[in-house]
Protein backbone atom coordinates (compact mmCIF):
# COMPACT_ATOMS: atom_id res chain seq x y z
CA UNK A 1 19.06 8.18 3.29
CA UNK A 2 15.28 7.87 3.29
CA UNK A 3 13.36 5.04 1.65
CA UNK A 4 9.77 4.53 0.62
CA UNK A 5 8.20 2.08 -1.83
CA UNK A 6 6.93 2.26 -5.39
CA UNK A 7 4.34 0.06 -7.10
CA UNK A 8 5.87 -2.63 -9.29
CA UNK A 9 4.16 -5.04 -11.67
CA UNK A 10 5.51 -8.28 -13.09
CA UNK A 11 2.43 -9.08 -15.16
CA UNK A 12 -1.11 -7.82 -15.73
CA UNK A 13 -2.67 -9.60 -12.74
CA UNK A 14 -3.23 -6.41 -10.70
CA UNK A 15 -5.29 -5.08 -13.62
CA UNK A 16 -7.58 -8.10 -13.19
CA UNK A 17 -7.82 -8.47 -9.41
CA UNK A 18 -8.11 -4.88 -8.17
CA UNK A 19 -11.08 -2.63 -8.95
CA UNK A 20 -8.64 0.30 -9.12
CA UNK A 21 -5.06 -0.85 -9.79
CA UNK A 22 -2.16 1.40 -8.83
CA UNK A 23 0.05 2.81 -11.57
CA UNK A 24 3.50 1.26 -11.97
CA UNK A 25 6.07 3.46 -10.25
CA UNK A 26 3.75 5.46 -8.02
CA UNK A 27 4.66 5.83 -4.35
CA UNK A 28 2.76 3.49 -2.04
CA UNK A 29 1.92 2.97 1.61
CA UNK A 30 0.10 0.15 3.33
CA UNK A 31 -3.21 2.01 3.34
CA UNK A 32 -4.71 -0.34 5.90
CA UNK A 33 -6.68 2.58 7.36
CA UNK A 34 -9.13 2.16 4.46
CA UNK A 35 -10.33 -1.09 6.03
CA UNK A 36 -10.54 0.00 9.67
CA UNK A 37 -14.35 -0.27 9.82
CA UNK A 38 -14.71 -3.32 7.57
CA UNK A 39 -16.47 -6.51 8.61
CA UNK A 40 -16.37 -10.00 7.10
CA UNK A 41 -19.29 -9.15 4.80
CA UNK A 42 -17.23 -6.42 3.11
CA UNK A 43 -14.64 -8.96 1.97
CA UNK A 44 -16.05 -9.92 -1.40
CA UNK A 45 -14.70 -9.87 -4.96
CA UNK A 46 -12.13 -7.25 -5.83
CA UNK A 47 -12.58 -5.49 -2.49
CA UNK A 48 -11.50 -8.71 -0.79
CA UNK A 49 -8.31 -8.76 -2.88
CA UNK A 50 -7.54 -5.11 -2.04
CA UNK A 51 -8.04 -5.90 1.64
CA UNK A 52 -6.06 -9.15 1.56
CA UNK A 53 -2.86 -7.92 -0.05
CA UNK A 54 -3.10 -4.50 -1.69
CA UNK A 55 -0.69 -1.63 -1.08
CA UNK A 56 -2.23 1.84 -1.60
CA UNK A 57 -0.88 4.02 -4.42
CA UNK A 58 -0.75 7.62 -3.24
CA UNK A 59 -1.48 9.21 -6.63
CA UNK A 60 -4.28 6.99 -7.96
CA UNK A 61 -5.45 5.55 -4.61
CA UNK A 62 -5.30 2.26 -6.52
CA UNK A 63 -3.90 -0.99 -5.16
CA UNK A 64 -0.88 -3.09 -6.08
CA UNK A 65 0.35 -6.48 -4.91
CA UNK A 66 4.08 -5.69 -4.89
CA UNK A 67 6.14 -2.66 -3.98
CA UNK A 68 9.88 -2.13 -4.30
CA UNK A 69 11.92 -0.20 -1.74
CA UNK A 70 13.35 2.95 -3.31
CA UNK A 71 15.19 6.06 -2.15
CA UNK A 72 12.99 9.14 -1.75
CA UNK A 73 14.05 12.78 -1.63
CA UNK A 74 12.78 15.10 1.13
CA UNK A 75 10.90 17.28 -1.38
CA UNK A 76 9.08 14.23 -2.76
CA UNK A 77 8.14 13.15 0.76
CA UNK A 78 6.72 16.62 1.44
CA UNK A 79 4.58 16.40 -1.72
CA UNK A 80 3.31 12.97 -0.70
CA UNK A 81 2.45 14.24 2.77
CA UNK A 82 0.33 17.00 1.24
CA UNK A 83 -1.29 14.57 -1.21
CA UNK A 84 -2.19 12.10 1.53
CA UNK A 85 -3.48 14.85 3.83
CA UNK A 86 -5.72 16.07 0.99
CA UNK A 87 -6.95 12.47 0.52
CA UNK A 88 -7.93 12.36 4.20
CA UNK A 89 -9.91 15.60 3.79
CA UNK A 90 -11.55 14.66 0.50
CA UNK A 91 -12.27 10.98 1.10
CA UNK A 92 -12.47 10.55 4.87
CA UNK A 93 -13.90 13.90 5.95
CA UNK A 94 -10.96 15.28 7.92
CA UNK A 95 -11.94 18.86 8.84
CA UNK A 96 -8.98 20.47 7.04
CA UNK A 97 -5.41 19.94 5.87
CA UNK A 98 -3.99 21.11 9.18
CA UNK A 99 -5.89 18.39 11.03
CA UNK A 100 -5.10 15.74 8.41
CA UNK A 101 -1.39 16.46 8.06
CA UNK A 102 -0.18 14.77 11.31
CA UNK A 103 -2.03 11.58 10.34
CA UNK A 104 -0.50 11.69 6.86
CA UNK A 105 2.96 12.19 8.37
CA UNK A 106 2.41 9.21 10.68
CA UNK A 107 1.30 6.93 7.81
CA UNK A 108 4.33 7.89 5.73
CA UNK A 109 6.69 7.48 8.70
CA UNK A 110 5.35 3.96 9.30
CA UNK A 111 6.03 3.07 5.67
CA UNK A 112 9.48 4.65 5.82
CA UNK A 113 10.30 2.62 8.94
CA UNK A 114 9.28 -0.55 7.13
CA UNK A 115 11.31 0.36 4.04
CA UNK A 116 14.38 1.54 5.96
CA UNK A 117 14.83 -2.02 7.24
CA UNK A 118 15.54 -3.20 3.67
CA UNK A 119 17.97 -2.57 0.83
CA UNK A 120 16.88 -0.70 -2.28
CA UNK A 121 14.93 -2.89 -4.73
CA UNK A 122 13.72 -5.24 -2.00
CA UNK A 123 10.20 -6.38 -2.82
CA UNK A 124 7.53 -6.16 -0.14
CA UNK A 125 4.11 -7.76 0.17
CA UNK A 126 1.39 -7.12 2.72
CA UNK A 127 -1.15 -9.60 4.09
CA UNK A 128 -4.19 -8.51 6.08
CA UNK A 129 -6.76 -10.37 8.14
CA UNK A 130 -9.71 -9.32 10.25
CA UNK A 131 -9.24 -10.18 13.92
CA UNK A 132 -11.22 -9.48 17.09
CA UNK A 133 -8.95 -6.47 17.63
CA UNK A 134 -9.42 -5.15 14.07
CA UNK A 135 -7.26 -5.37 10.97
CA UNK A 136 -3.92 -7.16 11.39
CA UNK A 137 -1.18 -6.54 8.83
CA UNK A 138 1.92 -8.60 8.26
CA UNK A 139 4.71 -8.01 5.77
CA UNK A 140 7.00 -10.21 3.74
CA UNK A 141 10.18 -9.14 1.99
CA UNK A 142 12.00 -10.67 -0.93
CA UNK A 143 15.64 -9.62 -1.25
CA UNK A 144 16.56 -8.32 -4.70
CA UNK A 145 18.87 -11.23 -5.51
CA UNK A 146 16.28 -13.77 -4.35
CA UNK A 147 13.45 -12.39 -6.48
CA UNK A 148 12.17 -15.10 -8.78
CA UNK A 149 9.02 -14.74 -10.85
CA UNK A 150 7.79 -18.11 -9.56
CA UNK A 151 7.29 -16.42 -6.18
CA UNK A 152 4.78 -13.99 -7.66
CA UNK A 153 2.24 -16.48 -8.94
CA UNK A 154 -0.05 -16.47 -5.89
CA UNK A 155 -3.25 -14.52 -6.55
CA UNK A 156 -6.81 -14.86 -5.37
CA UNK A 157 -9.38 -14.78 -8.13
CA UNK A 158 -11.62 -11.69 -8.30
CA UNK A 159 -14.64 -13.88 -7.45
CA UNK A 160 -12.88 -15.53 -4.51
């Protein structure tokens, strides 16, 4: 069985803290590649929040704070691969879909590997920091039975 993650919202905070919030239920990946050339000066306002803890929604290219591990069908994964490859061509200047597809596959495989370590409905968060070596990502999981809304109250203000 294959797993990936979908955006989940417990309140309206993502609408306030991200310039482009992901849609509830859309498939997500880390999307850390968006920040690969960022420097400390780029980390301001809503962009800082997206960098600090935003998962990338594959349909809207919006960001979300929480994702939930969910089963994915092979056909859905194929569609997401095509969608992400097109994003690499359109947004990042990949020469064509053929060149972009292996990178899209790799990004989705990394997310699948992360999700396959957890039961369905496990919540995941991502935290990023700039280091000398580039962007470092770490992940936290909250088991379904341990999920408590008090755990979701940590947000950086859009100005911060």
